[in-house]
Amino acid sequence: MKPSHLGLLLLLVGNFFLASNFVVGDFASSLMPPWQLAFSRFSIAALVLIPFSWHLFRAHARQLYELRWPLFFQAFFGVTLSAGFAFEALDSITAITGGFIFAMAPMVTMIMAHFFLRDHLSPIQVCGILVSIVGVMGIVSQGNPANLLKLAFPVGVWWMVANVFSYAIFMILVKKYYTNLPSLLVINTILMIGAILLVVPATLEYLLENHAGNTLKLDLTILYAGVVTGALAYGLIIRGTHLSGARLSGLFIYSLPVFSTLQAAVVLGRKLYSYDYISIVIICIGMVLCLLPMLGKQQDQEHEAA
């Protein structure tokens, strides 16, 4: 399928909004505990999408029931754990650091798919993964290699690494249990299950007297997280994927750290240091190396279709 200009635009805007989730987590870290923020975000996102997908639930109820366990584990890893881990991370690291650690998610997914799904990894992709790891290590070590030897990382780094692996498992499950059900239906189902599973950790957080105050700033942050970084972002990405194809859509995840960095610098006034710039260049080189074989396949498919 030849990608449309509208589809590419929707993917770009959707991923821009999705990247602002890192900024929300960074900004809201002092306003609301992480698991309650994750629950609020996905509860609102699921509720906003229900009116658009209710007819699909009724039409595909049987197929959803047959896929209940794959969808359950996709929600558990892709929503519940991933969101909770991300907001836990952003309690002690910046949106910039978090965004570029998360840039490893597609590469970790490639490695896991190679072993569990027998997806071939080309030599150039292996090189790209290694180069990107060097770049990420430059950011998390704050430009000081001695920190790597001491493992002197903020605890948020480990939470974000856990988020990367959780998201990678989610992507493997999505690929393994691919379904022809409408994308909007699948996404909304996963969001609903994920939000329900978040009730337990969010409630425990609240009962331990670690709960947020009631302020207008917090209410607006939660609303933005649910409607914009949740429902609107996923809706645009779903529509963009439909118009441009799943392969091209998957490439746009590489734009998340770039968008999150720009938004953190503009909205939160986060400062970039020299080691950040150097590491960002290294990561981008690694990303390009990982993307080259995939772009080659995309062009071959277009030539065959022509």
C-alpha atoms as a PDB file:
ATOM      1  CA  MET A   1       0.000   0.000   0.000  1.00  0.00           C
ATOM      2  CA  LYS A   2       1.407   3.356  -1.037  1.00  0.00           C
ATOM      3  CA  PRO A   3       1.480   5.701   1.973  1.00  0.00           C
ATOM      4  CA  SER A   4      -0.709   8.813   1.707  1.00  0.00           C
ATOM      5  CA  HIS A   5       0.410  12.290   2.700  1.00  0.00           C
ATOM      6  CA  LEU A   6      -2.524  12.484   5.141  1.00  0.00           C
ATOM      7  CA  GLY A   7      -1.503   9.191   6.733  1.00  0.00           C
ATOM      8  CA  LEU A   8       2.064  10.385   7.254  1.00  0.00           C
ATOM      9  CA  LEU A   9       0.825  13.652   8.731  1.00  0.00           C
ATOM     10  CA  LEU A  10      -1.482  11.829  11.154  1.00  0.00           C
ATOM     11  CA  LEU A  11       1.349   9.528  12.245  1.00  0.00           C
ATOM     12  CA  LEU A  12       3.640  12.505  12.783  1.00  0.00           C
ATOM     13  CA  VAL A  13       1.093  14.461  14.848  1.00  0.00           C
ATOM     14  CA  GLY A  14      -0.040  11.356  16.749  1.00  0.00           C
ATOM     15  CA  ASN A  15       3.503  10.478  17.795  1.00  0.00           C
ATOM     16  CA  PHE A  16       4.152  14.124  18.708  1.00  0.00           C
ATOM     17  CA  PHE A  17       1.250  13.972  21.158  1.00  0.00           C
ATOM     18  CA  LEU A  18       2.309  10.534  22.376  1.00  0.00           C
ATOM     19  CA  ALA A  19       5.816  11.845  23.106  1.00  0.00           C
ATOM     20  CA  SER A  20       4.352  14.535  25.355  1.00  0.00           C
ATOM     21  CA  ASN A  21       3.539  11.724  27.790  1.00  0.00           C
ATOM     22  CA  PHE A  22       7.170  11.947  28.945  1.00  0.00           C
ATOM     23  CA  VAL A  23       6.747  15.668  29.561  1.00  0.00           C
ATOM     24  CA  VAL A  24       3.502  15.044  31.456  1.00  0.00           C
ATOM     25  CA  GLY A  25       5.223  12.462  33.645  1.00  0.00           C
ATOM     26  CA  ASP A  26       8.122  14.825  34.318  1.00  0.00           C
ATOM     27  CA  PHE A  27       5.839  17.782  35.055  1.00  0.00           C
ATOM     28  CA  ALA A  28       3.342  15.825  37.177  1.00  0.00           C
ATOM     29  CA  SER A  29       5.938  13.982  39.267  1.00  0.00           C
ATOM     30  CA  SER A  30       5.524  16.527  42.065  1.00  0.00           C
ATOM     31  CA  LEU A  31       1.730  16.679  41.717  1.00  0.00           C
ATOM     32  CA  MET A  32       0.578  13.060  41.658  1.00  0.00           C
ATOM     33  CA  PRO A  33       2.051   9.620  42.437  1.00  0.00           C
ATOM     34  CA  PRO A  34       3.008   7.596  39.331  1.00  0.00           C
ATOM     35  CA  TRP A  35       0.552   4.688  39.464  1.00  0.00           C
ATOM     36  CA  GLN A  36      -2.407   6.963  40.144  1.00  0.00           C
ATOM     37  CA  LEU A  37      -1.339   9.144  37.219  1.00  0.00           C
ATOM     38  CA  ALA A  38      -1.094   6.061  34.971  1.00  0.00           C
ATOM     39  CA  PHE A  39      -4.553   4.895  36.067  1.00  0.00           C
ATOM     40  CA  SER A  40      -6.065   8.342  35.456  1.00  0.00           C
ATOM     41  CA  ARG A  41      -4.482   8.642  32.026  1.00  0.00           C
ATOM     42  CA  PHE A  42      -5.648   5.317  30.645  1.00  0.00           C
ATOM     43  CA  SER A  43      -9.067   5.408  32.306  1.00  0.00           C
ATOM     44  CA  ILE A  44      -9.831   8.705  30.584  1.00  0.00           C
ATOM     45  CA  ALA A  45      -8.338   7.502  27.281  1.00  0.00           C
ATOM     46  CA  ALA A  46     -10.435   4.314  27.319  1.00  0.00           C
ATOM     47  CA  LEU A  47     -13.641   6.191  28.199  1.00  0.00           C
ATOM     48  CA  VAL A  48     -13.090   8.773  25.452  1.00  0.00           C
ATOM     49  CA  LEU A  49     -12.613   6.051  22.812  1.00  0.00           C
ATOM     50  CA  ILE A  50     -15.598   3.889  23.846  1.00  0.00           C
ATOM     51  CA  PRO A  51     -18.240   5.935  21.931  1.00  0.00           C
ATOM     52  CA  PHE A  52     -16.213   5.472  18.731  1.00  0.00           C
ATOM     53  CA  SER A  53     -15.739   1.724  19.173  1.00  0.00           C
ATOM     54  CA  TRP A  54     -18.894   0.558  20.980  1.00  0.00           C
ATOM     55  CA  HIS A  55     -20.446  -0.804  17.782  1.00  0.00           C
ATOM     56  CA  LEU A  56     -17.237  -2.778  17.196  1.00  0.00           C
ATOM     57  CA  PHE A  57     -17.442  -4.377  20.639  1.00  0.00           C
ATOM     58  CA  ARG A  58     -20.924  -5.635  19.837  1.00  0.00           C
ATOM     59  CA  ALA A  59     -19.956  -6.877  16.374  1.00  0.00           C
ATOM     60  CA  HIS A  60     -16.775  -8.719  17.461  1.00  0.00           C
ATOM     61  CA  ALA A  61     -17.616  -9.845  20.994  1.00  0.00           C
ATOM     62  CA  ARG A  62     -16.968 -13.514  20.226  1.00  0.00           C
ATOM     63  CA  GLN A  63     -13.553 -12.897  18.655  1.00  0.00           C
ATOM     64  CA  LEU A  64     -12.544 -10.723  21.609  1.00  0.00           C
ATOM     65  CA  TYR A  65     -13.474 -13.505  24.010  1.00  0.00           C
ATOM     66  CA  GLU A  66     -11.404 -16.014  22.038  1.00  0.00           C
ATOM     67  CA  LEU A  67      -8.408 -13.636  22.255  1.00  0.00           C
ATOM     68  CA  ARG A  68      -8.987 -12.763  25.923  1.00  0.00           C
ATOM     69  CA  TRP A  69      -5.645 -14.073  27.221  1.00  0.00           C
ATOM     70  CA  PRO A  70      -3.394 -12.553  24.523  1.00  0.00           C
ATOM     71  CA  LEU A  71      -5.219  -9.232  24.991  1.00  0.00           C
ATOM     72  CA  PHE A  72      -4.908  -9.526  28.775  1.00  0.00           C
ATOM     73  CA  PHE A  73      -1.138  -9.948  28.657  1.00  0.00           C
ATOM     74  CA  GLN A  74      -0.764  -7.259  25.994  1.00  0.00           C
ATOM     75  CA  ALA A  75      -2.604  -4.875  28.332  1.00  0.00           C
ATOM     76  CA  PHE A  76      -0.596  -6.030  31.348  1.00  0.00           C
ATOM     77  CA  PHE A  77       2.789  -5.409  29.728  1.00  0.00           C
ATOM     78  CA  GLY A  78       1.916  -2.617  27.275  1.00  0.00           C
ATOM     79  CA  VAL A  79      -0.307  -0.480  29.512  1.00  0.00           C
ATOM     80  CA  THR A  80      -0.214  -1.448  33.187  1.00  0.00           C
ATOM     81  CA  LEU A  81       3.491  -2.140  33.677  1.00  0.00           C
ATOM     82  CA  SER A  82       4.786   0.113  30.913  1.00  0.00           C
ATOM     83  CA  ALA A  83       2.861   3.188  32.082  1.00  0.00           C
ATOM     84  CA  GLY A  84       3.569   2.591  35.763  1.00  0.00           C
ATOM     85  CA  PHE A  85       7.272   2.034  35.164  1.00  0.00           C
ATOM     86  CA  ALA A  86       7.510   5.132  32.941  1.00  0.00           C
ATOM     87  CA  PHE A  87       5.901   7.461  35.494  1.00  0.00           C
ATOM     88  CA  GLU A  88       7.976   5.918  38.290  1.00  0.00           C
ATOM     89  CA  ALA A  89      11.069   6.678  36.221  1.00  0.00           C
ATOM     90  CA  LEU A  90      10.089  10.271  35.540  1.00  0.00           C
ATOM     91  CA  ASP A  91       9.874  10.859  39.274  1.00  0.00           C
ATOM     92  CA  SER A  92      13.690  10.957  39.387  1.00  0.00           C
ATOM     93  CA  ILE A  93      14.907  11.513  35.813  1.00  0.00           C
ATOM     94  CA  THR A  94      13.983  14.124  33.205  1.00  0.00           C
ATOM     95  CA  ALA A  95      11.734  13.673  30.196  1.00  0.00           C
ATOM     96  CA  ILE A  96      14.822  14.052  27.979  1.00  0.00           C
ATOM     97  CA  THR A  97      16.694  11.190  29.640  1.00  0.00           C
ATOM     98  CA  GLY A  98      13.560   9.043  29.762  1.00  0.00           C
ATOM     99  CA  GLY A  99      12.758   9.649  26.115  1.00  0.00           C
ATOM    100  CA  PHE A 100      16.169   8.616  24.864  1.00  0.00           C
ATOM    101  CA  ILE A 101      16.311   5.517  27.065  1.00  0.00           C
ATOM    102  CA  PHE A 102      12.916   4.562  25.651  1.00  0.00           C
ATOM    103  CA  ALA A 103      14.438   4.939  22.181  1.00  0.00           C
ATOM    104  CA  MET A 104      15.945   1.519  22.868  1.00  0.00           C
ATOM    105  CA  ALA A 105      12.485  -0.101  22.871  1.00  0.00           C
ATOM    106  CA  PRO A 106      12.326  -0.855  19.110  1.00  0.00           C
ATOM    107  CA  MET A 107      15.859  -2.251  19.209  1.00  0.00           C
ATOM    108  CA  VAL A 108      15.167  -4.454  22.232  1.00  0.00           C
ATOM    109  CA  THR A 109      12.037  -5.611  20.396  1.00  0.00           C
ATOM    110  CA  MET A 110      14.174  -6.551  17.365  1.00  0.00           C
ATOM    111  CA  ILE A 111      16.506  -8.617  19.566  1.00  0.00           C
ATOM    112  CA  MET A 112      13.635 -10.406  21.324  1.00  0.00           C
ATOM    113  CA  ALA A 113      11.850 -11.033  18.017  1.00  0.00           C
ATOM    114  CA  HIS A 114      15.067 -12.569  16.668  1.00  0.00           C
ATOM    115  CA  PHE A 115      15.133 -15.159  19.469  1.00  0.00           C
ATOM    116  CA  PHE A 116      11.433 -15.750  20.106  1.00  0.00           C
ATOM    117  CA  LEU A 117       9.834 -15.137  16.703  1.00  0.00           C
ATOM    118  CA  ARG A 118      12.797 -16.066  14.487  1.00  0.00           C
ATOM    119  CA  ASP A 119      12.814 -12.638  12.859  1.00  0.00           C
ATOM    120  CA  HIS A 120      16.117 -12.146  11.079  1.00  0.00           C
ATOM    121  CA  LEU A 121      18.489  -9.433  12.326  1.00  0.00           C
ATOM    122  CA  SER A 122      20.827  -8.128   9.629  1.00  0.00           C
ATOM    123  CA  PRO A 123      24.469  -7.320  10.475  1.00  0.00           C
ATOM    124  CA  ILE A 124      23.832  -3.625   9.912  1.00  0.00           C
ATOM    125  CA  GLN A 125      20.941  -3.714  12.413  1.00  0.00           C
ATOM    126  CA  VAL A 126      23.185  -5.392  14.992  1.00  0.00           C
ATOM    127  CA  CYS A 127      25.699  -2.581  14.478  1.00  0.00           C
ATOM    128  CA  GLY A 128      22.920  -0.019  14.847  1.00  0.00           C
ATOM    129  CA  ILE A 129      21.782  -1.548  18.130  1.00  0.00           C
ATOM    130  CA  LEU A 130      25.317  -1.509  19.531  1.00  0.00           C
ATOM    131  CA  VAL A 131      25.884   2.092  18.441  1.00  0.00           C
ATOM    132  CA  SER A 132      22.603   3.191  20.026  1.00  0.00           C
ATOM    133  CA  ILE A 133      23.486   1.445  23.288  1.00  0.00           C
ATOM    134  CA  VAL A 134      26.690   3.503  23.406  1.00  0.00           C
ATOM    135  CA  GLY A 135      24.632   6.675  22.946  1.00  0.00           C
ATOM    136  CA  VAL A 136      22.122   5.756  25.639  1.00  0.00           C
ATOM    137  CA  MET A 137      24.948   4.920  28.055  1.00  0.00           C
ATOM    138  CA  GLY A 138      26.391   8.372  27.395  1.00  0.00           C
ATOM    139  CA  ILE A 139      23.124   9.977  28.517  1.00  0.00           C
ATOM    140  CA  VAL A 140      22.414   7.824  31.578  1.00  0.00           C
ATOM    141  CA  SER A 141      26.020   8.115  32.789  1.00  0.00           C
ATOM    142  CA  GLN A 142      25.823  11.913  32.318  1.00  0.00           C
ATOM    143  CA  GLY A 143      28.936  11.827  30.163  1.00  0.00           C
ATOM    144  CA  ASN A 144      31.069  10.229  32.876  1.00  0.00           C
ATOM    145  CA  PRO A 145      32.154   6.645  32.030  1.00  0.00           C
ATOM    146  CA  ALA A 146      33.122   6.146  35.677  1.00  0.00           C
ATOM    147  CA  ASN A 147      29.420   6.164  36.543  1.00  0.00           C
ATOM    148  CA  LEU A 148      29.000   3.051  34.396  1.00  0.00           C
ATOM    149  CA  LEU A 149      31.618   1.200  36.427  1.00  0.00           C
ATOM    150  CA  LYS A 150      30.008   2.291  39.681  1.00  0.00           C
ATOM    151  CA  LEU A 151      26.487   1.684  38.370  1.00  0.00           C
ATOM    152  CA  ALA A 152      25.813   5.150  39.756  1.00  0.00           C
ATOM    153  CA  PHE A 153      22.529   5.701  37.937  1.00  0.00           C
ATOM    154  CA  PRO A 154      19.424   7.415  39.316  1.00  0.00           C
ATOM    155  CA  VAL A 155      16.763   4.856  40.247  1.00  0.00           C
ATOM    156  CA  GLY A 156      14.612   6.301  37.452  1.00  0.00           C
ATOM    157  CA  VAL A 157      17.030   4.883  34.887  1.00  0.00           C
ATOM    158  CA  TRP A 158      16.269   1.358  36.082  1.00  0.00           C
ATOM    159  CA  TRP A 159      12.522   2.036  36.031  1.00  0.00           C
ATOM    160  CA  MET A 160      12.804   3.261  32.429  1.00  0.00           C
ATOM    161  CA  VAL A 161      14.877   0.222  31.430  1.00  0.00           C
ATOM    162  CA  ALA A 162      12.126  -1.944  32.932  1.00  0.00           C
ATOM    163  CA  ASN A 163       9.641   0.072  30.869  1.00  0.00           C
ATOM    164  CA  VAL A 164      11.657  -0.627  27.702  1.00  0.00           C
ATOM    165  CA  PHE A 165      11.572  -4.390  28.289  1.00  0.00           C
ATOM    166  CA  SER A 166       7.899  -4.338  29.255  1.00  0.00           C
ATOM    167  CA  TYR A 167       7.022  -2.464  26.065  1.00  0.00           C
ATOM    168  CA  ALA A 168       9.194  -4.810  23.997  1.00  0.00           C
ATOM    169  CA  ILE A 169       7.324  -7.833  25.418  1.00  0.00           C
ATOM    170  CA  PHE A 170       4.075  -6.070  24.511  1.00  0.00           C
ATOM    171  CA  MET A 171       5.249  -5.602  20.918  1.00  0.00           C
ATOM    172  CA  ILE A 172       6.295  -9.254  20.687  1.00  0.00           C
ATOM    173  CA  LEU A 173       2.851 -10.350  21.908  1.00  0.00           C
ATOM    174  CA  VAL A 174       1.150  -8.032  19.404  1.00  0.00           C
ATOM    175  CA  LYS A 175       3.224  -9.503  16.580  1.00  0.00           C
ATOM    176  CA  LYS A 176       2.760 -13.108  17.714  1.00  0.00           C
ATOM    177  CA  TYR A 177      -1.006 -12.809  18.190  1.00  0.00           C
ATOM    178  CA  TYR A 178      -1.723 -10.542  15.244  1.00  0.00           C
ATOM    179  CA  THR A 179      -5.425 -10.229  14.532  1.00  0.00           C
ATOM    180  CA  ASN A 180      -7.513  -8.795  11.711  1.00  0.00           C
ATOM    181  CA  LEU A 181      -9.871  -7.154  14.203  1.00  0.00           C
ATOM    182  CA  PRO A 182     -10.261  -3.363  13.771  1.00  0.00           C
ATOM    183  CA  SER A 183      -7.277  -1.556  15.290  1.00  0.00           C
ATOM    184  CA  LEU A 184      -9.484   0.877  17.214  1.00  0.00           C
ATOM    185  CA  LEU A 185     -11.293  -2.025  18.875  1.00  0.00           C
ATOM    186  CA  VAL A 186      -8.060  -3.769  19.870  1.00  0.00           C
ATOM    187  CA  ILE A 187      -6.480  -0.575  21.227  1.00  0.00           C
ATOM    188  CA  ASN A 188      -9.579   0.354  23.213  1.00  0.00           C
ATOM    189  CA  THR A 189      -9.836  -3.158  24.657  1.00  0.00           C
ATOM    190  CA  ILE A 190      -6.190  -3.110  25.721  1.00  0.00           C
ATOM    191  CA  LEU A 191      -6.582   0.345  27.276  1.00  0.00           C
ATOM    192  CA  MET A 192      -9.657  -0.771  29.225  1.00  0.00           C
ATOM    193  CA  ILE A 193      -8.003  -3.932  30.555  1.00  0.00           C
ATOM    194  CA  GLY A 194      -4.821  -2.030  31.375  1.00  0.00           C
ATOM    195  CA  ALA A 195      -6.761   0.642  33.269  1.00  0.00           C
ATOM    196  CA  ILE A 196      -8.614  -2.011  35.284  1.00  0.00           C
ATOM    197  CA  LEU A 197      -5.328  -3.721  36.188  1.00  0.00           C
ATOM    198  CA  LEU A 198      -3.946  -0.357  37.329  1.00  0.00           C
ATOM    199  CA  VAL A 199      -6.658  -0.103  39.990  1.00  0.00           C
ATOM    200  CA  VAL A 200      -4.710  -2.313  42.412  1.00  0.00           C
ATOM    201  CA  PRO A 201      -1.342  -0.461  42.446  1.00  0.00           C
ATOM    202  CA  ALA A 202      -3.074   2.937  42.293  1.00  0.00           C
ATOM    203  CA  THR A 203      -5.284   2.027  45.266  1.00  0.00           C
ATOM    204  CA  LEU A 204      -2.332   0.726  47.286  1.00  0.00           C
ATOM    205  CA  GLU A 205      -0.488   3.969  46.558  1.00  0.00           C
ATOM    206  CA  TYR A 206      -3.468   5.962  47.792  1.00  0.00           C
ATOM    207  CA  LEU A 207      -3.957   3.881  50.927  1.00  0.00           C
ATOM    208  CA  LEU A 208      -0.325   4.374  51.871  1.00  0.00           C
ATOM    209  CA  GLU A 209      -1.189   8.092  52.117  1.00  0.00           C
ATOM    210  CA  ASN A 210       0.823   8.847  49.033  1.00  0.00           C
ATOM    211  CA  HIS A 211      -1.907  10.662  47.154  1.00  0.00           C
ATOM    212  CA  ALA A 212      -2.261  13.890  45.267  1.00  0.00           C
ATOM    213  CA  GLY A 213      -3.898  17.080  46.348  1.00  0.00           C
ATOM    214  CA  ASN A 214      -6.866  18.511  44.484  1.00  0.00           C
ATOM    215  CA  THR A 215      -5.597  21.401  42.365  1.00  0.00           C
ATOM    216  CA  LEU A 216      -6.615  22.890  39.034  1.00  0.00           C
ATOM    217  CA  LYS A 217      -3.097  22.351  37.685  1.00  0.00           C
ATOM    218  CA  LEU A 218      -3.339  18.642  38.497  1.00  0.00           C
ATOM    219  CA  ASP A 219      -6.832  18.314  37.018  1.00  0.00           C
ATOM    220  CA  LEU A 220      -5.715  19.917  33.747  1.00  0.00           C
ATOM    221  CA  THR A 221      -2.609  17.706  33.642  1.00  0.00           C
ATOM    222  CA  ILE A 222      -4.679  14.544  34.077  1.00  0.00           C
ATOM    223  CA  LEU A 223      -7.176  15.696  31.455  1.00  0.00           C
ATOM    224  CA  TYR A 224      -4.381  16.425  28.983  1.00  0.00           C
ATOM    225  CA  ALA A 225      -2.737  13.074  29.712  1.00  0.00           C
ATOM    226  CA  GLY A 226      -5.968  11.166  29.128  1.00  0.00           C
ATOM    227  CA  VAL A 227      -7.428  13.041  26.174  1.00  0.00           C
ATOM    228  CA  VAL A 228      -4.336  14.222  24.258  1.00  0.00           C
ATOM    229  CA  THR A 229      -1.499  11.762  25.036  1.00  0.00           C
ATOM    230  CA  GLY A 230      -4.029   8.947  25.334  1.00  0.00           C
ATOM    231  CA  ALA A 231      -7.191   9.000  23.219  1.00  0.00           C
ATOM    232  CA  LEU A 232      -6.180  11.597  20.603  1.00  0.00           C
ATOM    233  CA  ALA A 233      -2.642  10.261  20.112  1.00  0.00           C
ATOM    234  CA  TYR A 234      -3.793   6.642  19.730  1.00  0.00           C
ATOM    235  CA  GLY A 235      -6.691   7.669  17.496  1.00  0.00           C
ATOM    236  CA  LEU A 236      -4.417   9.590  15.119  1.00  0.00           C
ATOM    237  CA  ILE A 237      -1.852   6.783  15.046  1.00  0.00           C
ATOM    238  CA  ILE A 238      -4.548   4.187  14.326  1.00  0.00           C
ATOM    239  CA  ARG A 239      -5.949   6.231  11.439  1.00  0.00           C
ATOM    240  CA  GLY A 240      -2.460   7.026  10.142  1.00  0.00           C
ATOM    241  CA  THR A 241      -1.555   3.349  10.255  1.00  0.00           C
ATOM    242  CA  HIS A 242      -4.660   2.503   8.255  1.00  0.00           C
ATOM    243  CA  LEU A 243      -3.698   5.011   5.560  1.00  0.00           C
ATOM    244  CA  SER A 244       0.078   4.404   5.471  1.00  0.00           C
ATOM    245  CA  GLY A 245       0.596   0.775   6.498  1.00  0.00           C
ATOM    246  CA  ALA A 246       1.801  -0.941   9.656  1.00  0.00           C
ATOM    247  CA  ARG A 247       5.485  -1.129   8.655  1.00  0.00           C
ATOM    248  CA  LEU A 248       5.801   2.616   8.086  1.00  0.00           C
ATOM    249  CA  SER A 249       3.811   3.326  11.233  1.00  0.00           C
ATOM    250  CA  GLY A 250       6.261   1.300  13.293  1.00  0.00           C
ATOM    251  CA  LEU A 251       9.157   3.453  12.094  1.00  0.00           C
ATOM    252  CA  PHE A 252       7.617   6.551  13.651  1.00  0.00           C
ATOM    253  CA  ILE A 253       8.336   5.301  17.180  1.00  0.00           C
ATOM    254  CA  TYR A 254      11.900   6.453  16.533  1.00  0.00           C
ATOM    255  CA  SER A 255      10.608  10.036  16.519  1.00  0.00           C
ATOM    256  CA  LEU A 256       9.444   9.860  20.166  1.00  0.00           C
ATOM    257  CA  PRO A 257      12.758  10.792  21.839  1.00  0.00           C
ATOM    258  CA  VAL A 258      13.257  13.699  19.438  1.00  0.00           C
ATOM    259  CA  PHE A 259       9.776  15.068  20.120  1.00  0.00           C
ATOM    260  CA  SER A 260      10.039  14.507  23.890  1.00  0.00           C
ATOM    261  CA  THR A 261      13.403  16.321  23.972  1.00  0.00           C
ATOM    262  CA  LEU A 262      12.062  19.335  22.076  1.00  0.00           C
ATOM    263  CA  GLN A 263       8.944  19.520  24.234  1.00  0.00           C
ATOM    264  CA  ALA A 264      10.902  19.167  27.483  1.00  0.00           C
ATOM    265  CA  ALA A 265      13.259  21.970  26.420  1.00  0.00           C
ATOM    266  CA  VAL A 266      10.431  24.312  25.390  1.00  0.00           C
ATOM    267  CA  VAL A 267       7.708  23.494  27.943  1.00  0.00           C
ATOM    268  CA  LEU A 268       9.773  22.571  30.998  1.00  0.00           C
ATOM    269  CA  GLY A 269      12.892  24.575  30.237  1.00  0.00           C
ATOM    270  CA  ARG A 270      15.126  21.503  30.588  1.00  0.00           C
ATOM    271  CA  LYS A 271      18.769  22.176  29.761  1.00  0.00           C
ATOM    272  CA  LEU A 272      20.766  20.038  27.358  1.00  0.00           C
ATOM    273  CA  TYR A 273      24.427  19.450  28.185  1.00  0.00           C
ATOM    274  CA  SER A 274      27.295  18.719  25.808  1.00  0.00           C
ATOM    275  CA  TYR A 275      27.167  14.978  26.555  1.00  0.00           C
ATOM    276  CA  ASP A 276      23.445  15.039  25.674  1.00  0.00           C
ATOM    277  CA  TYR A 277      24.139  16.454  22.209  1.00  0.00           C
ATOM    278  CA  ILE A 278      26.936  13.966  21.541  1.00  0.00           C
ATOM    279  CA  SER A 279      24.849  11.040  22.778  1.00  0.00           C
ATOM    280  CA  ILE A 280      21.840  12.140  20.741  1.00  0.00           C
ATOM    281  CA  VAL A 281      23.933  12.162  17.552  1.00  0.00           C
ATOM    282  CA  ILE A 282      25.264   8.668  18.358  1.00  0.00           C
ATOM    283  CA  ILE A 283      21.745   7.346  19.053  1.00  0.00           C
ATOM    284  CA  CYS A 284      20.438   8.843  15.805  1.00  0.00           C
ATOM    285  CA  ILE A 285      23.244   7.141  13.849  1.00  0.00           C
ATOM    286  CA  GLY A 286      22.293   3.835  15.474  1.00  0.00           C
ATOM    287  CA  MET A 287      18.619   4.391  14.642  1.00  0.00           C
ATOM    288  CA  VAL A 288      19.435   5.076  10.992  1.00  0.00           C
ATOM    289  CA  LEU A 289      21.464   1.855  10.798  1.00  0.00           C
ATOM    290  CA  CYS A 290      18.521  -0.085  12.274  1.00  0.00           C
ATOM    291  CA  LEU A 291      16.082   1.544   9.860  1.00  0.00           C
ATOM    292  CA  LEU A 292      18.037   1.063   6.618  1.00  0.00           C
ATOM    293  CA  PRO A 293      17.059  -2.604   6.031  1.00  0.00           C
ATOM    294  CA  MET A 294      13.419  -1.830   6.898  1.00  0.00           C
ATOM    295  CA  LEU A 295      13.301   1.112   4.497  1.00  0.00           C
ATOM    296  CA  GLY A 296      14.835  -1.122   1.837  1.00  0.00           C
ATOM    297  CA  LYS A 297      12.040  -3.652   2.294  1.00  0.00           C
ATOM    298  CA  GLN A 298       9.455  -0.856   2.079  1.00  0.00           C
ATOM    299  CA  GLN A 299      10.886   0.308  -1.260  1.00  0.00           C
ATOM    300  CA  ASP A 300      11.024  -3.256  -2.628  1.00  0.00           C
ATOM    301  CA  GLN A 301       7.350  -3.774  -1.742  1.00  0.00           C
ATOM    302  CA  GLU A 302       6.415  -0.521  -3.509  1.00  0.00           C
ATOM    303  CA  HIS A 303       8.331  -1.567  -6.638  1.00  0.00           C
ATOM    304  CA  GLU A 304       6.619  -4.947  -6.658  1.00  0.00           C
ATOM    305  CA  ALA A 305       3.213  -3.303  -6.314  1.00  0.00           C
ATOM    306  CA  ALA A 306       3.938  -0.815  -9.120  1.00  0.00           C
END
